[in-house]
C-alpha atoms as a PDB file:
ATOM      1  CA  MET A   1     152.225-101.202 278.309  1.00  0.00           C
ATOM      2  CA  ILE A   2     155.402-102.239 276.446  1.00  0.00           C
ATOM      3  CA  GLU A   3     155.458-102.562 272.679  1.00  0.00           C
ATOM      4  CA  ARG A   4     158.354-104.713 271.432  1.00  0.00           C
ATOM      5  CA  VAL A   5     159.502-104.213 267.864  1.00  0.00           C
ATOM      6  CA  THR A   6     162.270-105.600 265.709  1.00  0.00           C
ATOM      7  CA  ARG A   7     165.922-104.783 266.366  1.00  0.00           C
ATOM      8  CA  ARG A   8     167.226-101.406 265.076  1.00  0.00           C
ATOM      9  CA  GLN A   9     163.745 -99.977 265.417  1.00  0.00           C
ATOM     10  CA  THR A  10     162.721 -97.839 268.328  1.00  0.00           C
ATOM     11  CA  VAL A  11     160.953 -99.413 271.282  1.00  0.00           C
ATOM     12  CA  THR A  12     158.000 -97.494 272.647  1.00  0.00           C
ATOM     13  CA  ILE A  13     157.252 -97.831 276.326  1.00  0.00           C
ATOM     14  CA  ALA A  14     154.189 -96.155 277.787  1.00  0.00           C
ATOM     15  CA  ILE A  15     154.380 -95.803 281.558  1.00  0.00           C
ATOM     16  CA  ARG A  16     151.568 -94.262 283.577  1.00  0.00           C
ATOM     17  CA  ALA A  17     152.235 -92.050 286.593  1.00  0.00           C
ATOM     18  CA  GLY A  18     153.016 -94.001 289.735  1.00  0.00           C
ATOM     19  CA  VAL A  19     154.787 -96.855 287.946  1.00  0.00           C
ATOM     20  CA  ALA A  20     158.563 -97.043 288.361  1.00  0.00           C
ATOM     21  CA  ALA A  21     160.607 -97.532 285.211  1.00  0.00           C
ATOM     22  CA  CYS A  22     164.042 -99.092 284.865  1.00  0.00           C
ATOM     23  CA  ILE A  23     166.049 -99.389 281.649  1.00  0.00           C
ATOM     24  CA  VAL A  24     168.782-102.009 282.165  1.00  0.00           C
ATOM     25  CA  GLY A  25     172.258-100.698 281.401  1.00  0.00           C
ATOM     26  CA  LEU A  26     171.269 -97.029 281.588  1.00  0.00           C
ATOM     27  CA  ALA A  27     171.649 -94.629 284.462  1.00  0.00           C
ATOM     28  CA  THR A  28     168.197 -93.828 285.842  1.00  0.00           C
ATOM     29  CA  ALA A  29     167.303 -90.181 285.390  1.00  0.00           C
ATOM     30  CA  SER A  30     164.603 -88.359 287.318  1.00  0.00           C
ATOM     31  CA  LEU A  31     161.422 -87.721 285.373  1.00  0.00           C
ATOM     32  CA  PRO A  32     161.565 -84.319 283.665  1.00  0.00           C
ATOM     33  CA  ALA A  33     159.378 -81.531 285.032  1.00  0.00           C
ATOM     34  CA  TRP A  34     157.872 -80.737 281.666  1.00  0.00           C
ATOM     35  CA  ASP A  35     155.853 -77.616 281.055  1.00  0.00           C
ATOM     36  CA  SER A  36     152.804 -76.888 278.919  1.00  0.00           C
ATOM     37  CA  ALA A  37     154.875 -76.517 275.742  1.00  0.00           C
ATOM     38  CA  GLY A  38     155.088 -80.240 275.118  1.00  0.00           C
ATOM     39  CA  GLN A  39     156.062 -81.294 278.633  1.00  0.00           C
ATOM     40  CA  THR A  40     154.229 -83.047 281.457  1.00  0.00           C
ATOM     41  CA  GLY A  41     153.178 -82.588 285.047  1.00  0.00           C
ATOM     42  CA  SER A  42     151.977 -84.920 287.819  1.00  0.00           C
ATOM     43  CA  GLY A  43     149.157 -87.269 286.893  1.00  0.00           C
ATOM     44  CA  VAL A  44     150.042 -87.295 283.196  1.00  0.00           C
ATOM     45  CA  GLY A  45     151.300 -90.478 281.529  1.00  0.00           C
ATOM     46  CA  ILE A  46     154.732 -90.581 279.924  1.00  0.00           C
ATOM     47  CA  ASP A  47     155.682 -92.404 276.719  1.00  0.00           C
ATOM     48  CA  TYR A  48     159.270 -93.566 276.183  1.00  0.00           C
ATOM     49  CA  HIS A  49     161.231 -94.326 273.027  1.00  0.00           C
ATOM     50  CA  VAL A  50     164.473 -96.305 273.206  1.00  0.00           C
ATOM     51  CA  VAL A  51     166.739 -95.802 270.203  1.00  0.00           C
ATOM     52  CA  ALA A  52     169.690 -98.200 269.862  1.00  0.00           C
ATOM     53  CA  THR A  53     172.159 -98.440 267.009  1.00  0.00           C
ATOM     54  CA  SER A  54     175.661 -99.668 266.327  1.00  0.00           C
ATOM     55  CA  LYS A  55     176.193 -96.925 263.712  1.00  0.00           C
ATOM     56  CA  THR A  56     176.515 -93.360 264.939  1.00  0.00           C
ATOM     57  CA  SER A  57     175.883 -92.228 261.364  1.00  0.00           C
ATOM     58  CA  THR A  58     172.235 -93.326 261.701  1.00  0.00           C
ATOM     59  CA  MET A  59     171.604 -92.091 265.246  1.00  0.00           C
ATOM     60  CA  GLN A  60     171.028 -88.440 264.335  1.00  0.00           C
ATOM     61  CA  LYS A  61     168.290 -89.364 261.857  1.00  0.00           C
ATOM     62  CA  GLU A  62     166.604 -91.667 264.349  1.00  0.00           C
ATOM     63  CA  LEU A  63     166.682 -88.981 267.040  1.00  0.00           C
ATOM     64  CA  ASN A  64     165.082 -86.452 264.735  1.00  0.00           C
ATOM     65  CA  ASP A  65     162.511 -88.965 263.504  1.00  0.00           C
ATOM     66  CA  ALA A  66     161.457 -89.519 267.135  1.00  0.00           C
ATOM     67  CA  ALA A  67     161.481 -85.764 267.778  1.00  0.00           C
ATOM     68  CA  GLU A  68     159.019 -85.363 264.907  1.00  0.00           C
ATOM     69  CA  MET A  69     156.640 -87.531 266.949  1.00  0.00           C
ATOM     70  CA  GLY A  70     156.994 -85.259 269.979  1.00  0.00           C
ATOM     71  CA  PHE A  71     159.764 -87.090 271.845  1.00  0.00           C
ATOM     72  CA  ARG A  72     162.613 -85.334 273.643  1.00  0.00           C
ATOM     73  CA  PHE A  73     166.072 -86.622 274.600  1.00  0.00           C
ATOM     74  CA  ASP A  74     166.481 -87.812 278.218  1.00  0.00           C
ATOM     75  CA  THR A  75     169.723 -89.800 278.526  1.00  0.00           C
ATOM     76  CA  VAL A  76     172.401 -91.639 276.534  1.00  0.00           C
ATOM     77  CA  MET A  77     174.803 -94.500 277.178  1.00  0.00           C
ATOM     78  CA  GLY A  78     177.280 -96.337 274.974  1.00  0.00           C
ATOM     79  CA  GLY A  79     178.284 -99.931 275.638  1.00  0.00           C
ATOM     80  CA  GLU A  80     177.823-103.589 274.837  1.00  0.00           C
ATOM     81  CA  THR A  81     174.274-104.934 274.798  1.00  0.00           C
ATOM     82  CA  ALA A  82     173.214-108.580 274.920  1.00  0.00           C
ATOM     83  CA  PHE A  83     172.101-108.799 271.298  1.00  0.00           C
ATOM     84  CA  GLY A  84     173.418-105.720 269.535  1.00  0.00           C
ATOM     85  CA  GLY A  85     177.072-105.794 270.528  1.00  0.00           C
ATOM     86  CA  ASN A  86     178.505-102.297 270.947  1.00  0.00           C
ATOM     87  CA  GLU A  87     175.667 -99.805 270.639  1.00  0.00           C
ATOM     88  CA  VAL A  88     174.701 -96.253 271.509  1.00  0.00           C
ATOM     89  CA  VAL A  89     171.421 -96.350 273.426  1.00  0.00           C
ATOM     90  CA  VAL A  90     169.282 -93.217 273.819  1.00  0.00           C
ATOM     91  CA  VAL A  91     166.114 -92.855 275.881  1.00  0.00           C
ATOM     92  CA  MET A  92     163.570 -90.221 274.828  1.00  0.00           C
ATOM     93  CA  SER A  93     160.192 -89.350 276.320  1.00  0.00           C
ATOM     94  CA  ARG A  94     157.051 -87.286 275.816  1.00  0.00           C
ATOM     95  CA  ALA A  95     153.807 -86.560 277.635  1.00  0.00           C
ATOM     96  CA  SER A  96     151.257 -89.179 276.570  1.00  0.00           C
ATOM     97  CA  GLY A  97     149.308 -87.980 273.564  1.00  0.00           C
ATOM     98  CA  THR A  98     151.798 -85.271 272.641  1.00  0.00           C
ATOM     99  CA  LYS A  99     152.484 -85.160 268.908  1.00  0.00           C
ATOM    100  CA  ALA A 100     153.877 -81.665 268.370  1.00  0.00           C
ATOM    101  CA  SER A 101     157.432 -81.423 267.110  1.00  0.00           C
ATOM    102  CA  ARG A 102     159.529 -78.846 268.953  1.00  0.00           C
ATOM    103  CA  PHE A 103     163.094 -80.145 269.262  1.00  0.00           C
ATOM    104  CA  GLY A 104     165.833 -80.952 266.777  1.00  0.00           C
ATOM    105  CA  TYR A 105     169.047 -82.909 267.364  1.00  0.00           C
ATOM    106  CA  ARG A 106     172.620 -83.003 266.167  1.00  0.00           C
ATOM    107  CA  LEU A 107     175.023 -85.833 266.988  1.00  0.00           C
ATOM    108  CA  LEU A 108     178.782 -85.343 267.084  1.00  0.00           C
ATOM    109  CA  ALA A 109     181.031 -88.413 267.041  1.00  0.00           C
ATOM    110  CA  THR A 110     184.811 -88.335 266.768  1.00  0.00           C
ATOM    111  CA  SER A 111     187.886 -90.172 267.989  1.00  0.00           C
ATOM    112  CA  LYS A 112     189.900 -86.938 267.857  1.00  0.00           C
ATOM    113  CA  THR A 113     189.193 -84.597 270.733  1.00  0.00           C
ATOM    114  CA  SER A 114     190.946 -81.818 268.827  1.00  0.00           C
ATOM    115  CA  THR A 115     188.050 -81.721 266.347  1.00  0.00           C
ATOM    116  CA  MET A 116     185.270 -82.003 268.945  1.00  0.00           C
ATOM    117  CA  GLN A 117     185.879 -78.463 270.238  1.00  0.00           C
ATOM    118  CA  LYS A 118     185.276 -76.940 266.803  1.00  0.00           C
ATOM    119  CA  GLU A 119     182.275 -79.152 266.076  1.00  0.00           C
ATOM    120  CA  LEU A 120     180.704 -78.248 269.420  1.00  0.00           C
ATOM    121  CA  GLN A 121     181.124 -74.546 268.781  1.00  0.00           C
ATOM    122  CA  ASP A 122     179.808 -74.806 265.223  1.00  0.00           C
ATOM    123  CA  ALA A 123     176.701 -76.565 266.559  1.00  0.00           C
ATOM    124  CA  ALA A 124     176.261 -73.967 269.311  1.00  0.00           C
ATOM    125  CA  ASP A 125     176.465 -71.162 266.767  1.00  0.00           C
ATOM    126  CA  ALA A 126     173.645 -72.913 264.881  1.00  0.00           C
ATOM    127  CA  GLY A 127     171.478 -72.848 268.019  1.00  0.00           C
ATOM    128  CA  PHE A 128     172.177 -76.319 269.439  1.00  0.00           C
ATOM    129  CA  GLN A 129     172.898 -76.885 273.133  1.00  0.00           C
ATOM    130  CA  TYR A 130     174.718 -79.768 274.846  1.00  0.00           C
ATOM    131  CA  ARG A 131     172.453 -82.467 276.306  1.00  0.00           C
ATOM    132  CA  GLY A 132     174.640 -85.541 276.870  1.00  0.00           C
ATOM    133  CA  GLN A 133     177.756 -87.516 275.976  1.00  0.00           C
ATOM    134  CA  THR A 134     179.150 -91.027 276.080  1.00  0.00           C
ATOM    135  CA  VAL A 135     182.035 -93.111 274.721  1.00  0.00           C
ATOM    136  CA  PHE A 136     181.224 -95.699 272.103  1.00  0.00           C
ATOM    137  CA  ASN A 137     183.349 -98.377 270.403  1.00  0.00           C
ATOM    138  CA  THR A 138     182.440 -98.313 266.725  1.00  0.00           C
ATOM    139  CA  ALA A 139     183.152-100.943 264.102  1.00  0.00           C
ATOM    140  CA  PHE A 140     185.136 -98.517 261.951  1.00  0.00           C
ATOM    141  CA  GLY A 141     186.084 -95.531 264.100  1.00  0.00           C
ATOM    142  CA  GLY A 142     187.344 -97.271 267.227  1.00  0.00           C
ATOM    143  CA  ASP A 143     186.454 -95.542 270.477  1.00  0.00           C
ATOM    144  CA  GLU A 144     184.564 -92.327 269.771  1.00  0.00           C
ATOM    145  CA  VAL A 145     183.332 -89.556 272.020  1.00  0.00           C
ATOM    146  CA  VAL A 146     179.660 -89.070 271.175  1.00  0.00           C
ATOM    147  CA  CYS A 147     177.867 -85.817 272.041  1.00  0.00           C
ATOM    148  CA  ILE A 148     174.170 -85.135 271.575  1.00  0.00           C
ATOM    149  CA  LEU A 149     173.017 -81.550 271.142  1.00  0.00           C
ATOM    150  CA  GLU A 150     169.481 -80.198 271.081  1.00  0.00           C
ATOM    151  CA  ARG A 151     167.817 -77.156 269.526  1.00  0.00           C
ATOM    152  CA  ASP A 152     164.550 -75.870 270.959  1.00  0.00           C
ATOM    153  CA  GLY A 153     162.511 -74.383 268.143  1.00  0.00           C
ATOM    154  CA  ALA A 154     160.192 -72.566 270.562  1.00  0.00           C
ATOM    155  CA  ALA A 155     162.798 -70.845 272.741  1.00  0.00           C
ATOM    156  CA  ALA A 156     165.021 -67.840 272.258  1.00  0.00           C
ATOM    157  CA  GLN A 157     168.532 -68.959 271.386  1.00  0.00           C
ATOM    158  CA  GLU A 158     171.326 -68.283 273.857  1.00  0.00           C
ATOM    159  CA  ARG A 159     174.774 -67.473 272.547  1.00  0.00           C
ATOM    160  CA  VAL A 160     177.021 -70.067 274.171  1.00  0.00           C
ATOM    161  CA  ASP A 161     180.749 -70.779 274.078  1.00  0.00           C
ATOM    162  CA  TYR A 162     182.105 -74.295 274.662  1.00  0.00           C
ATOM    163  CA  ARG A 163     185.508 -75.387 275.896  1.00  0.00           C
ATOM    164  CA  LEU A 164     186.630 -79.018 275.825  1.00  0.00           C
ATOM    165  CA  VAL A 165     189.207 -80.301 278.309  1.00  0.00           C
ATOM    166  CA  ALA A 166     190.917 -83.594 277.376  1.00  0.00           C
ATOM    167  CA  THR A 167     193.741 -85.100 279.405  1.00  0.00           C
ATOM    168  CA  SER A 168     195.029 -88.439 280.669  1.00  0.00           C
ATOM    169  CA  LYS A 169     196.034 -86.962 284.042  1.00  0.00           C
ATOM    170  CA  THR A 170     193.571 -86.048 286.762  1.00  0.00           C
ATOM    171  CA  GLY A 171     196.005 -83.453 288.095  1.00  0.00           C
ATOM    172  CA  THR A 172     195.978 -81.699 284.737  1.00  0.00           C
ATOM    173  CA  LEU A 173     192.190 -81.959 284.616  1.00  0.00           C
ATOM    174  CA  GLN A 174     191.990 -80.132 287.965  1.00  0.00           C
ATOM    175  CA  LYS A 175     194.250 -77.342 286.714  1.00  0.00           C
ATOM    176  CA  GLU A 176     192.468 -76.894 283.403  1.00  0.00           C
ATOM    177  CA  LEU A 177     189.009 -76.951 284.968  1.00  0.00           C
ATOM    178  CA  VAL A 178     190.081 -74.275 287.466  1.00  0.00           C
ATOM    179  CA  GLN A 179     191.310 -72.158 284.569  1.00  0.00           C
ATOM    180  CA  ALA A 180     188.063 -72.706 282.664  1.00  0.00           C
ATOM    181  CA  GLY A 181     186.022 -71.896 285.755  1.00  0.00           C
ATOM    182  CA  ALA A 182     187.902 -68.627 286.205  1.00  0.00           C
ATOM    183  CA  GLY A 183     186.731 -67.730 282.715  1.00  0.00           C
ATOM    184  CA  GLY A 184     183.094 -68.431 283.608  1.00  0.00           C
ATOM    185  CA  TYR A 185     182.851 -71.921 282.113  1.00  0.00           C
ATOM    186  CA  GLN A 186     180.662 -74.496 283.865  1.00  0.00           C
ATOM    187  CA  ILE A 187     181.159 -78.242 283.407  1.00  0.00           C
ATOM    188  CA  VAL A 188     178.192 -79.985 281.790  1.00  0.00           C
ATOM    189  CA  GLY A 189     179.535 -83.512 281.218  1.00  0.00           C
ATOM    190  CA  MET A 190     182.509 -85.845 281.325  1.00  0.00           C
ATOM    191  CA  THR A 191     183.479 -89.265 279.965  1.00  0.00           C
ATOM    192  CA  VAL A 192     186.526 -91.519 280.149  1.00  0.00           C
ATOM    193  CA  GLY A 193     187.678 -93.497 277.150  1.00  0.00           C
ATOM    194  CA  LYS A 194     190.388 -94.230 274.616  1.00  0.00           C
ATOM    195  CA  THR A 195     190.791 -91.591 271.934  1.00  0.00           C
ATOM    196  CA  ALA A 196     192.821 -91.736 268.746  1.00  0.00           C
ATOM    197  CA  LEU A 197     195.639 -89.472 269.882  1.00  0.00           C
ATOM    198  CA  GLY A 198     195.486 -89.283 273.653  1.00  0.00           C
ATOM    199  CA  GLY A 199     195.039 -92.914 274.610  1.00  0.00           C
ATOM    200  CA  SER A 200     192.858 -93.199 277.712  1.00  0.00           C
ATOM    201  CA  GLU A 201     191.564 -89.687 278.306  1.00  0.00           C
ATOM    202  CA  LEU A 202     189.202 -87.806 280.544  1.00  0.00           C
ATOM    203  CA  VAL A 203     187.066 -85.652 278.275  1.00  0.00           C
ATOM    204  CA  ALA A 204     185.180 -82.844 280.022  1.00  0.00           C
ATOM    205  CA  ILE A 205     182.914 -80.361 278.265  1.00  0.00           C
ATOM    206  CA  THR A 206     182.323 -76.898 279.722  1.00  0.00           C
ATOM    207  CA  ARG A 207     180.110 -74.024 278.595  1.00  0.00           C
ATOM    208  CA  ARG A 208     179.401 -70.387 279.341  1.00  0.00           C
ATOM    209  CA  VAL A 209     176.721 -68.023 278.127  1.00  0.00           C
ATOM    210  CA  ARG A 210     178.300 -65.428 275.905  1.00  0.00           C
ATOM    211  CA  ALA A 211     178.079 -61.828 277.097  1.00  0.00           C
ATOM    212  CA  GLN A 212     175.590 -59.794 275.076  1.00  0.00           C
END
């Protein structure tokens, strides 16, 4: 069943087990192996919400509104859509019938990679963990790196450190990732796009669990 609503509202797609789903313009992610705390197993239907907006300032609210209905972030992509122009598109899902709210979201969007490091760490210190990133061309901010972070209200919070690597040279990326890896950092995501200061940059985000 597909329920179509007006633009700038979320689109709810209910897909029963055994039916393949494809969202045009988004990388297909494997279905999450959800557990009993709001997640799903085989034989259980899955509901999807698609949230699309051309304003990153509204995306965080829309993500949290969907989370209040039991939905959880799955994947994100920024780009040009047929009707909306440049948009950030997020897919969220929940086990059919699930209404409990468990997750909260914070969105970081900046054209300056120098500020993203601090914003990531501030969010991590507040209990949020990295879930995804994309590059998005905004009407006012130009190309922005957009990161989505999630906080699980039912889980113990890990203390995590983040390190952002931004460079226009793949050789430098190799060197800096090796250095980060030696310090225990693991890469969790990477995008390529034009930033305010670096021009076309590779932006990689790494994390490590802080020693107790």
